[in-house]
PDB file of N, CA and C in Angstrom:
ATOM      1  N   MET A   1     -31.034  39.287  11.180  1.00  0.00           N
ATOM      2  CA  MET A   1     -32.419  39.388  11.531  1.00  0.00           C
ATOM      3  C   MET A   1     -32.571  40.306  12.752  1.00  0.00           C
ATOM      4  N   LEU A   2     -33.573  41.153  12.700  1.00  0.00           N
ATOM      5  CA  LEU A   2     -33.819  42.050  13.818  1.00  0.00           C
ATOM      6  C   LEU A   2     -34.478  41.305  14.972  1.00  0.00           C
ATOM      7  N   GLU A   3     -34.085  41.651  16.170  1.00  0.00           N
ATOM      8  CA  GLU A   3     -34.651  41.026  17.362  1.00  0.00           C
ATOM      9  C   GLU A   3     -35.591  42.011  18.058  1.00  0.00           C
ATOM     10  N   ILE A   4     -36.318  42.765  17.240  1.00  0.00           N
ATOM     11  CA  ILE A   4     -37.314  43.707  17.718  1.00  0.00           C
ATOM     12  C   ILE A   4     -38.441  43.718  16.687  1.00  0.00           C
ATOM     13  N   SER A   5     -39.665  43.810  17.144  1.00  0.00           N
ATOM     14  CA  SER A   5     -40.785  43.767  16.214  1.00  0.00           C
ATOM     15  C   SER A   5     -40.891  45.067  15.413  1.00  0.00           C
ATOM     16  N   THR A   6     -41.453  44.930  14.233  1.00  0.00           N
ATOM     17  CA  THR A   6     -41.685  46.102  13.385  1.00  0.00           C
ATOM     18  C   THR A   6     -42.603  47.081  14.104  1.00  0.00           C
ATOM     19  N   ARG A   7     -43.539  46.576  14.858  1.00  0.00           N
ATOM     20  CA  ARG A   7     -44.467  47.434  15.609  1.00  0.00           C
ATOM     21  C   ARG A   7     -43.713  48.313  16.621  1.00  0.00           C
ATOM     22  N   LYS A   8     -42.746  47.738  17.307  1.00  0.00           N
ATOM     23  CA  LYS A   8     -41.968  48.510  18.283  1.00  0.00           C
ATOM     24  C   LYS A   8     -41.101  49.560  17.584  1.00  0.00           C
ATOM     25  N   ILE A   9     -40.539  49.211  16.453  1.00  0.00           N
ATOM     26  CA  ILE A   9     -39.744  50.183  15.690  1.00  0.00           C
ATOM     27  C   ILE A   9     -40.643  51.320  15.221  1.00  0.00           C
ATOM     28  N   ALA A  10     -41.834  50.965  14.736  1.00  0.00           N
ATOM     29  CA  ALA A  10     -42.783  51.986  14.290  1.00  0.00           C
ATOM     30  C   ALA A  10     -43.160  52.905  15.450  1.00  0.00           C
ATOM     31  N   ARG A  11     -43.314  52.347  16.645  1.00  0.00           N
ATOM     32  CA  ARG A  11     -43.637  53.157  17.828  1.00  0.00           C
ATOM     33  C   ARG A  11     -42.499  54.147  18.108  1.00  0.00           C
ATOM     34  N   VAL A  12     -41.253  53.703  18.007  1.00  0.00           N
ATOM     35  CA  VAL A  12     -40.104  54.596  18.215  1.00  0.00           C
ATOM     36  C   VAL A  12     -40.126  55.720  17.175  1.00  0.00           C
ATOM     37  N   ILE A  13     -40.389  55.371  15.925  1.00  0.00           N
ATOM     38  CA  ILE A  13     -40.446  56.370  14.851  1.00  0.00           C
ATOM     39  C   ILE A  13     -41.536  57.394  15.149  1.00  0.00           C
ATOM     40  N   LEU A  14     -42.717  56.923  15.521  1.00  0.00           N
ATOM     41  CA  LEU A  14     -43.827  57.831  15.794  1.00  0.00           C
ATOM     42  C   LEU A  14     -43.573  58.706  17.021  1.00  0.00           C
ATOM     43  N   LEU A  15     -43.028  58.132  18.073  1.00  0.00           N
ATOM     44  CA  LEU A  15     -42.707  58.919  19.268  1.00  0.00           C
ATOM     45  C   LEU A  15     -41.656  59.977  18.962  1.00  0.00           C
ATOM     46  N   THR A  16     -40.678  59.614  18.126  1.00  0.00           N
ATOM     47  CA  THR A  16     -39.640  60.563  17.745  1.00  0.00           C
ATOM     48  C   THR A  16     -40.236  61.722  16.969  1.00  0.00           C
ATOM     49  N   ARG A  17     -41.121  61.412  16.057  1.00  0.00           N
ATOM     50  CA  ARG A  17     -41.746  62.463  15.249  1.00  0.00           C
ATOM     51  C   ARG A  17     -42.695  63.333  16.068  1.00  0.00           C
ATOM     52  N   GLU A  18     -43.440  62.698  16.958  1.00  0.00           N
ATOM     53  CA  GLU A  18     -44.446  63.443  17.713  1.00  0.00           C
ATOM     54  C   GLU A  18     -43.837  64.294  18.827  1.00  0.00           C
ATOM     55  N   TYR A  19     -42.862  63.740  19.537  1.00  0.00           N
ATOM     56  CA  TYR A  19     -42.328  64.423  20.709  1.00  0.00           C
ATOM     57  C   TYR A  19     -40.875  64.874  20.581  1.00  0.00           C
ATOM     58  N   GLY A  20     -40.173  64.392  19.564  1.00  0.00           N
ATOM     59  CA  GLY A  20     -38.759  64.717  19.396  1.00  0.00           C
ATOM     60  C   GLY A  20     -37.878  63.629  19.968  1.00  0.00           C
ATOM     61  N   PRO A  21     -36.641  63.548  19.472  1.00  0.00           N
ATOM     62  CA  PRO A  21     -35.754  62.464  19.907  1.00  0.00           C
ATOM     63  C   PRO A  21     -35.298  62.582  21.361  1.00  0.00           C
ATOM     64  N   ASP A  22     -35.446  63.751  21.962  1.00  0.00           N
ATOM     65  CA  ASP A  22     -35.002  63.915  23.349  1.00  0.00           C
ATOM     66  C   ASP A  22     -36.170  63.940  24.337  1.00  0.00           C
ATOM     67  N   SER A  23     -37.325  63.408  23.920  1.00  0.00           N
ATOM     68  CA  SER A  23     -38.511  63.447  24.784  1.00  0.00           C
ATOM     69  C   SER A  23     -38.480  62.349  25.850  1.00  0.00           C
ATOM     70  N   VAL A  24     -39.150  62.624  26.943  1.00  0.00           N
ATOM     71  CA  VAL A  24     -39.286  61.645  28.018  1.00  0.00           C
ATOM     72  C   VAL A  24     -40.097  60.447  27.537  1.00  0.00           C
ATOM     73  N   ASN A  25     -41.101  60.696  26.706  1.00  0.00           N
ATOM     74  CA  ASN A  25     -41.935  59.598  26.192  1.00  0.00           C
ATOM     75  C   ASN A  25     -41.092  58.589  25.425  1.00  0.00           C
ATOM     76  N   LEU A  26     -40.234  59.081  24.541  1.00  0.00           N
ATOM     77  CA  LEU A  26     -39.370  58.196  23.765  1.00  0.00           C
ATOM     78  C   LEU A  26     -38.367  57.494  24.675  1.00  0.00           C
ATOM     79  N   SER A  27     -37.767  58.243  25.566  1.00  0.00           N
ATOM     80  CA  SER A  27     -36.778  57.677  26.482  1.00  0.00           C
ATOM     81  C   SER A  27     -37.378  56.561  27.334  1.00  0.00           C
ATOM     82  N   ASP A  28     -38.566  56.808  27.863  1.00  0.00           N
ATOM     83  CA  ASP A  28     -39.226  55.788  28.676  1.00  0.00           C
ATOM     84  C   ASP A  28     -39.537  54.534  27.862  1.00  0.00           C
ATOM     85  N   TYR A  29     -39.985  54.735  26.628  1.00  0.00           N
ATOM     86  CA  TYR A  29     -40.322  53.586  25.784  1.00  0.00           C
ATOM     87  C   TYR A  29     -39.072  52.745  25.483  1.00  0.00           C
ATOM     88  N   ILE A  30     -38.003  53.398  25.066  1.00  0.00           N
ATOM     89  CA  ILE A  30     -36.771  52.674  24.730  1.00  0.00           C
ATOM     90  C   ILE A  30     -36.185  51.991  25.964  1.00  0.00           C
ATOM     91  N   SER A  31     -36.248  52.655  27.114  1.00  0.00           N
ATOM     92  CA  SER A  31     -35.683  52.048  28.325  1.00  0.00           C
ATOM     93  C   SER A  31     -36.427  50.769  28.716  1.00  0.00           C
ATOM     94  N   GLY A  32     -37.678  50.625  28.267  1.00  0.00           N
ATOM     95  CA  GLY A  32     -38.451  49.424  28.559  1.00  0.00           C
ATOM     96  C   GLY A  32     -38.173  48.247  27.644  1.00  0.00           C
ATOM     97  N   LEU A  33     -37.374  48.469  26.607  1.00  0.00           N
ATOM     98  CA  LEU A  33     -37.022  47.383  25.690  1.00  0.00           C
ATOM     99  C   LEU A  33     -35.963  46.489  26.329  1.00  0.00           C
ATOM    100  N   ASN A  34     -35.901  45.227  25.904  1.00  0.00           N
ATOM    101  CA  ASN A  34     -34.842  44.358  26.416  1.00  0.00           C
ATOM    102  C   ASN A  34     -33.536  44.629  25.651  1.00  0.00           C
ATOM    103  N   ASP A  35     -32.450  44.064  26.119  1.00  0.00           N
ATOM    104  CA  ASP A  35     -31.130  44.352  25.545  1.00  0.00           C
ATOM    105  C   ASP A  35     -31.021  43.968  24.072  1.00  0.00           C
ATOM    106  N   ASP A  36     -31.622  42.839  23.681  1.00  0.00           N
ATOM    107  CA  ASP A  36     -31.580  42.426  22.278  1.00  0.00           C
ATOM    108  C   ASP A  36     -32.347  43.408  21.399  1.00  0.00           C
ATOM    109  N   GLU A  37     -33.494  43.870  21.886  1.00  0.00           N
ATOM    110  CA  GLU A  37     -34.277  44.847  21.130  1.00  0.00           C
ATOM    111  C   GLU A  37     -33.513  46.159  20.987  1.00  0.00           C
ATOM    112  N   LYS A  38     -32.866  46.591  22.055  1.00  0.00           N
ATOM    113  CA  LYS A  38     -32.092  47.834  22.011  1.00  0.00           C
ATOM    114  C   LYS A  38     -30.935  47.724  21.015  1.00  0.00           C
ATOM    115  N   ALA A  39     -30.238  46.594  21.041  1.00  0.00           N
ATOM    116  CA  ALA A  39     -29.120  46.391  20.110  1.00  0.00           C
ATOM    117  C   ALA A  39     -29.617  46.385  18.668  1.00  0.00           C
ATOM    118  N   SER A  40     -30.749  45.757  18.423  1.00  0.00           N
ATOM    119  CA  SER A  40     -31.312  45.734  17.073  1.00  0.00           C
ATOM    120  C   SER A  40     -31.731  47.123  16.628  1.00  0.00           C
ATOM    121  N   LEU A  41     -32.295  47.900  17.532  1.00  0.00           N
ATOM    122  CA  LEU A  41     -32.720  49.262  17.209  1.00  0.00           C
ATOM    123  C   LEU A  41     -31.521  50.128  16.832  1.00  0.00           C
ATOM    124  N   VAL A  42     -30.456  50.045  17.606  1.00  0.00           N
ATOM    125  CA  VAL A  42     -29.237  50.812  17.312  1.00  0.00           C
ATOM    126  C   VAL A  42     -28.635  50.342  15.994  1.00  0.00           C
ATOM    127  N   ALA A  43     -28.546  49.037  15.787  1.00  0.00           N
ATOM    128  CA  ALA A  43     -27.982  48.502  14.546  1.00  0.00           C
ATOM    129  C   ALA A  43     -28.804  48.941  13.340  1.00  0.00           C
ATOM    130  N   LEU A  44     -30.118  48.916  13.470  1.00  0.00           N
ATOM    131  CA  LEU A  44     -30.986  49.369  12.377  1.00  0.00           C
ATOM    132  C   LEU A  44     -30.742  50.835  12.066  1.00  0.00           C
ATOM    133  N   MET A  45     -30.606  51.654  13.094  1.00  0.00           N
ATOM    134  CA  MET A  45     -30.321  53.075  12.891  1.00  0.00           C
ATOM    135  C   MET A  45     -28.987  53.244  12.172  1.00  0.00           C
ATOM    136  N   TRP A  46     -27.983  52.481  12.570  1.00  0.00           N
ATOM    137  CA  TRP A  46     -26.672  52.555  11.914  1.00  0.00           C
ATOM    138  C   TRP A  46     -26.761  52.164  10.450  1.00  0.00           C
ATOM    139  N   VAL A  47     -27.507  51.112  10.144  1.00  0.00           N
ATOM    140  CA  VAL A  47     -27.699  50.694   8.751  1.00  0.00           C
ATOM    141  C   VAL A  47     -28.419  51.804   7.978  1.00  0.00           C
ATOM    142  N   GLY A  48     -29.416  52.397   8.595  1.00  0.00           N
ATOM    143  CA  GLY A  48     -30.183  53.444   7.942  1.00  0.00           C
ATOM    144  C   GLY A  48     -29.410  54.715   7.670  1.00  0.00           C
ATOM    145  N   ARG A  49     -28.371  54.981   8.458  1.00  0.00           N
ATOM    146  CA  ARG A  49     -27.564  56.175   8.204  1.00  0.00           C
ATOM    147  C   ARG A  49     -26.252  55.831   7.480  1.00  0.00           C
ATOM    148  N   ASP A  50     -26.173  54.600   6.978  1.00  0.00           N
ATOM    149  CA  ASP A  50     -25.047  54.133   6.166  1.00  0.00           C
ATOM    150  C   ASP A  50     -23.737  53.958   6.936  1.00  0.00           C
ATOM    151  N   SER A  51     -23.827  53.757   8.245  1.00  0.00           N
ATOM    152  CA  SER A  51     -22.621  53.434   9.011  1.00  0.00           C
ATOM    153  C   SER A  51     -22.235  51.971   8.798  1.00  0.00           C
ATOM    154  N   PHE A  52     -23.225  51.137   8.495  1.00  0.00           N
ATOM    155  CA  PHE A  52     -23.032  49.727   8.181  1.00  0.00           C
ATOM    156  C   PHE A  52     -23.870  49.398   6.969  1.00  0.00           C
ATOM    157  N   ASP A  53     -23.433  48.419   6.210  1.00  0.00           N
ATOM    158  CA  ASP A  53     -24.197  47.906   5.081  1.00  0.00           C
ATOM    159  C   ASP A  53     -25.230  46.904   5.605  1.00  0.00           C
ATOM    160  N   VAL A  54     -26.273  46.692   4.823  1.00  0.00           N
ATOM    161  CA  VAL A  54     -27.313  45.726   5.209  1.00  0.00           C
ATOM    162  C   VAL A  54     -26.698  44.362   5.492  1.00  0.00           C
ATOM    163  N   SER A  55     -25.717  43.976   4.700  1.00  0.00           N
ATOM    164  CA  SER A  55     -25.083  42.667   4.884  1.00  0.00           C
ATOM    165  C   SER A  55     -24.317  42.573   6.208  1.00  0.00           C
ATOM    166  N   GLU A  56     -24.090  43.701   6.867  1.00  0.00           N
ATOM    167  CA  GLU A  56     -23.350  43.736   8.125  1.00  0.00           C
ATOM    168  C   GLU A  56     -24.261  43.868   9.349  1.00  0.00           C
ATOM    169  N   LEU A  57     -25.553  43.615   9.181  1.00  0.00           N
ATOM    170  CA  LEU A  57     -26.509  43.807  10.271  1.00  0.00           C
ATOM    171  C   LEU A  57     -26.136  43.016  11.519  1.00  0.00           C
ATOM    172  N   GLU A  58     -25.772  41.765  11.370  1.00  0.00           N
ATOM    173  CA  GLU A  58     -25.417  40.946  12.547  1.00  0.00           C
ATOM    174  C   GLU A  58     -24.196  41.526  13.255  1.00  0.00           C
ATOM    175  N   TYR A  59     -23.217  41.954  12.473  1.00  0.00           N
ATOM    176  CA  TYR A  59     -22.031  42.576  13.044  1.00  0.00           C
ATOM    177  C   TYR A  59     -22.404  43.883  13.748  1.00  0.00           C
ATOM    178  N   ALA A  60     -23.300  44.659  13.149  1.00  0.00           N
ATOM    179  CA  ALA A  60     -23.740  45.918  13.748  1.00  0.00           C
ATOM    180  C   ALA A  60     -24.432  45.661  15.085  1.00  0.00           C
ATOM    181  N   LYS A  61     -25.224  44.603  15.171  1.00  0.00           N
ATOM    182  CA  LYS A  61     -25.872  44.268  16.443  1.00  0.00           C
ATOM    183  C   LYS A  61     -24.836  43.900  17.504  1.00  0.00           C
ATOM    184  N   GLU A  62     -23.818  43.144  17.103  1.00  0.00           N
ATOM    185  CA  GLU A  62     -22.747  42.794  18.041  1.00  0.00           C
ATOM    186  C   GLU A  62     -22.028  44.049  18.522  1.00  0.00           C
ATOM    187  N   GLU A  63     -21.747  44.957  17.593  1.00  0.00           N
ATOM    188  CA  GLU A  63     -21.092  46.221  17.947  1.00  0.00           C
ATOM    189  C   GLU A  63     -21.962  47.042  18.894  1.00  0.00           C
ATOM    190  N   ALA A  64     -23.254  47.075  18.638  1.00  0.00           N
ATOM    191  CA  ALA A  64     -24.175  47.817  19.501  1.00  0.00           C
ATOM    192  C   ALA A  64     -24.135  47.264  20.924  1.00  0.00           C
ATOM    193  N   ARG A  65     -24.065  45.954  21.046  1.00  0.00           N
ATOM    194  CA  ARG A  65     -23.984  45.338  22.377  1.00  0.00           C
ATOM    195  C   ARG A  65     -22.656  45.690  23.051  1.00  0.00           C
ATOM    196  N   ARG A  66     -21.558  45.616  22.285  1.00  0.00           N
ATOM    197  CA  ARG A  66     -20.230  45.894  22.835  1.00  0.00           C
ATOM    198  C   ARG A  66     -20.074  47.354  23.228  1.00  0.00           C
ATOM    199  N   GLU A  67     -20.631  48.249  22.440  1.00  0.00           N
ATOM    200  CA  GLU A  67     -20.420  49.680  22.665  1.00  0.00           C
ATOM    201  C   GLU A  67     -21.469  50.310  23.574  1.00  0.00           C
ATOM    202  N   ALA A  68     -22.338  49.509  24.143  1.00  0.00           N
ATOM    203  CA  ALA A  68     -23.415  50.046  24.982  1.00  0.00           C
ATOM    204  C   ALA A  68     -22.881  50.503  26.337  1.00  0.00           C
ATOM    205  N   SER A  69     -22.140  51.606  26.337  1.00  0.00           N
ATOM    206  CA  SER A  69     -21.572  52.120  27.577  1.00  0.00           C
ATOM    207  C   SER A  69     -22.511  53.124  28.254  1.00  0.00           C
ATOM    208  N   ALA A  70     -23.440  53.667  27.499  1.00  0.00           N
ATOM    209  CA  ALA A  70     -24.459  54.583  28.032  1.00  0.00           C
ATOM    210  C   ALA A  70     -25.825  53.967  27.757  1.00  0.00           C
ATOM    211  N   PRO A  71     -26.840  54.363  28.494  1.00  0.00           N
ATOM    212  CA  PRO A  71     -28.173  53.840  28.202  1.00  0.00           C
ATOM    213  C   PRO A  71     -28.570  54.130  26.748  1.00  0.00           C
ATOM    214  N   THR A  72     -29.165  53.151  26.109  1.00  0.00           N
ATOM    215  CA  THR A  72     -29.542  53.275  24.701  1.00  0.00           C
ATOM    216  C   THR A  72     -30.426  54.492  24.461  1.00  0.00           C
ATOM    217  N   GLU A  73     -31.369  54.746  25.381  1.00  0.00           N
ATOM    218  CA  GLU A  73     -32.256  55.887  25.206  1.00  0.00           C
ATOM    219  C   GLU A  73     -31.491  57.208  25.207  1.00  0.00           C
ATOM    220  N   ASN A  74     -30.410  57.292  25.966  1.00  0.00           N
ATOM    221  CA  ASN A  74     -29.584  58.507  25.959  1.00  0.00           C
ATOM    222  C   ASN A  74     -28.817  58.633  24.644  1.00  0.00           C
ATOM    223  N   TYR A  75     -28.269  57.524  24.185  1.00  0.00           N
ATOM    224  CA  TYR A  75     -27.523  57.531  22.923  1.00  0.00           C
ATOM    225  C   TYR A  75     -28.427  57.942  21.761  1.00  0.00           C
ATOM    226  N   LEU A  76     -29.581  57.295  21.648  1.00  0.00           N
ATOM    227  CA  LEU A  76     -30.469  57.563  20.514  1.00  0.00           C
ATOM    228  C   LEU A  76     -31.079  58.961  20.566  1.00  0.00           C
ATOM    229  N   SER A  77     -31.251  59.506  21.756  1.00  0.00           N
ATOM    230  CA  SER A  77     -31.847  60.841  21.865  1.00  0.00           C
ATOM    231  C   SER A  77     -30.944  61.915  21.266  1.00  0.00           C
ATOM    232  N   GLY A  78     -29.674  61.614  21.104  1.00  0.00           N
ATOM    233  CA  GLY A  78     -28.738  62.575  20.529  1.00  0.00           C
ATOM    234  C   GLY A  78     -28.523  62.416  19.035  1.00  0.00           C
ATOM    235  N   ILE A  79     -29.310  61.573  18.389  1.00  0.00           N
ATOM    236  CA  ILE A  79     -29.135  61.301  16.965  1.00  0.00           C
ATOM    237  C   ILE A  79     -30.105  62.156  16.138  1.00  0.00           C
ATOM    238  N   PRO A  80     -29.581  63.164  15.431  1.00  0.00           N
ATOM    239  CA  PRO A  80     -30.476  63.925  14.543  1.00  0.00           C
ATOM    240  C   PRO A  80     -30.983  63.009  13.424  1.00  0.00           C
ATOM    241  N   GLY A  81     -32.241  63.142  13.091  1.00  0.00           N
ATOM    242  CA  GLY A  81     -32.804  62.327  12.015  1.00  0.00           C
ATOM    243  C   GLY A  81     -33.049  60.889  12.408  1.00  0.00           C
ATOM    244  N   LEU A  82     -33.236  60.623  13.703  1.00  0.00           N
ATOM    245  CA  LEU A  82     -33.422  59.245  14.179  1.00  0.00           C
ATOM    246  C   LEU A  82     -34.544  58.534  13.430  1.00  0.00           C
ATOM    247  N   ALA A  83     -35.703  59.158  13.323  1.00  0.00           N
ATOM    248  CA  ALA A  83     -36.846  58.514  12.656  1.00  0.00           C
ATOM    249  C   ALA A  83     -36.515  58.171  11.206  1.00  0.00           C
ATOM    250  N   GLU A  84     -35.870  59.087  10.517  1.00  0.00           N
ATOM    251  CA  GLU A  84     -35.520  58.856   9.109  1.00  0.00           C
ATOM    252  C   GLU A  84     -34.504  57.730   8.978  1.00  0.00           C
ATOM    253  N   HIS A  85     -33.532  57.685   9.880  1.00  0.00           N
ATOM    254  CA  HIS A  85     -32.531  56.604   9.834  1.00  0.00           C
ATOM    255  C   HIS A  85     -33.195  55.242  10.055  1.00  0.00           C
ATOM    256  N   LEU A  86     -34.128  55.184  10.998  1.00  0.00           N
ATOM    257  CA  LEU A  86     -34.818  53.920  11.253  1.00  0.00           C
ATOM    258  C   LEU A  86     -35.653  53.510  10.046  1.00  0.00           C
ATOM    259  N   GLU A  87     -36.354  54.460   9.443  1.00  0.00           N
ATOM    260  CA  GLU A  87     -37.142  54.146   8.241  1.00  0.00           C
ATOM    261  C   GLU A  87     -36.247  53.722   7.091  1.00  0.00           C
ATOM    262  N   ASN A  88     -35.121  54.406   6.904  1.00  0.00           N
ATOM    263  CA  ASN A  88     -34.177  54.023   5.847  1.00  0.00           C
ATOM    264  C   ASN A  88     -33.663  52.610   6.073  1.00  0.00           C
ATOM    265  N   GLY A  89     -33.337  52.286   7.327  1.00  0.00           N
ATOM    266  CA  GLY A  89     -32.868  50.944   7.643  1.00  0.00           C
ATOM    267  C   GLY A  89     -33.908  49.889   7.321  1.00  0.00           C
ATOM    268  N   LEU A  90     -35.155  50.162   7.680  1.00  0.00           N
ATOM    269  CA  LEU A  90     -36.231  49.223   7.359  1.00  0.00           C
ATOM    270  C   LEU A  90     -36.384  49.069   5.852  1.00  0.00           C
ATOM    271  N   ASP A  91     -36.334  50.183   5.124  1.00  0.00           N
ATOM    272  CA  ASP A  91     -36.423  50.123   3.659  1.00  0.00           C
ATOM    273  C   ASP A  91     -35.304  49.266   3.083  1.00  0.00           C
ATOM    274  N   LEU A  92     -34.093  49.470   3.585  1.00  0.00           N
ATOM    275  CA  LEU A  92     -32.953  48.708   3.077  1.00  0.00           C
ATOM    276  C   LEU A  92     -33.102  47.210   3.367  1.00  0.00           C
ATOM    277  N   LEU A  93     -33.799  46.888   4.453  1.00  0.00           N
ATOM    278  CA  LEU A  93     -34.048  45.486   4.794  1.00  0.00           C
ATOM    279  C   LEU A  93     -35.285  44.941   4.093  1.00  0.00           C
ATOM    280  N   GLY A  94     -35.976  45.789   3.341  1.00  0.00           N
ATOM    281  CA  GLY A  94     -37.161  45.362   2.623  1.00  0.00           C
ATOM    282  C   GLY A  94     -38.389  45.239   3.497  1.00  0.00           C
ATOM    283  N   ILE A  95     -38.414  45.975   4.607  1.00  0.00           N
ATOM    284  CA  ILE A  95     -39.539  45.927   5.540  1.00  0.00           C
ATOM    285  C   ILE A  95     -40.355  47.202   5.374  1.00  0.00           C
ATOM    286  N   ASP A  96     -41.647  47.038   5.070  1.00  0.00           N
ATOM    287  CA  ASP A  96     -42.542  48.179   4.908  1.00  0.00           C
ATOM    288  C   ASP A  96     -43.254  48.415   6.233  1.00  0.00           C
ATOM    289  N   VAL A  97     -43.040  49.582   6.795  1.00  0.00           N
ATOM    290  CA  VAL A  97     -43.612  49.903   8.097  1.00  0.00           C
ATOM    291  C   VAL A  97     -44.874  50.755   7.975  1.00  0.00           C
ATOM    292  N   THR A  98     -45.262  51.125   6.773  1.00  0.00           N
ATOM    293  CA  THR A  98     -46.393  52.022   6.560  1.00  0.00           C
ATOM    294  C   THR A  98     -47.680  51.506   7.191  1.00  0.00           C
ATOM    295  N   ASP A  99     -48.020  50.232   6.944  1.00  0.00           N
ATOM    296  CA  ASP A  99     -49.252  49.671   7.489  1.00  0.00           C
ATOM    297  C   ASP A  99     -49.223  49.653   9.033  1.00  0.00           C
ATOM    298  N   VAL A 100     -48.082  49.337   9.577  1.00  0.00           N
ATOM    299  CA  VAL A 100     -47.951  49.284  11.030  1.00  0.00           C
ATOM    300  C   VAL A 100     -48.128  50.687  11.611  1.00  0.00           C
ATOM    301  N   GLU A 101     -47.482  51.680  11.003  1.00  0.00           N
ATOM    302  CA  GLU A 101     -47.603  53.053  11.477  1.00  0.00           C
ATOM    303  C   GLU A 101     -49.062  53.525  11.416  1.00  0.00           C
ATOM    304  N   ASP A 102     -49.761  53.168  10.377  1.00  0.00           N
ATOM    305  CA  ASP A 102     -51.153  53.582  10.228  1.00  0.00           C
ATOM    306  C   ASP A 102     -52.040  52.989  11.302  1.00  0.00           C
ATOM    307  N   ASN A 103     -51.684  51.825  11.823  1.00  0.00           N
ATOM    308  CA  ASN A 103     -52.495  51.158  12.835  1.00  0.00           C
ATOM    309  C   ASN A 103     -52.141  51.558  14.270  1.00  0.00           C
ATOM    310  N   LEU A 104     -51.116  52.358  14.433  1.00  0.00           N
ATOM    311  CA  LEU A 104     -50.726  52.765  15.802  1.00  0.00           C
ATOM    312  C   LEU A 104     -51.497  53.981  16.255  1.00  0.00           C
TER     313      LEU A 104
END
């Protein structure tokens, strides 16, 4: 289970698309998330880019916590296709973010 709201994930996706993955706006937003939210965001991205299977989500979150040697916002800013990976991860989890994105 993700420990971050769909609304917050949608905000990351929209900020990435609007300003780019290396923008200050995105970095500031991610830096304001708590550690559990950051780990869930990284794990979701990993699932979305096929580094982990959906069934390994809990393990991916644990790995994200263990491997957090740099600020999450710095790590994610270097990921090409961040928005697409997050959307793919949500799709694989059966979460539709379309309505949330439309309301942001």
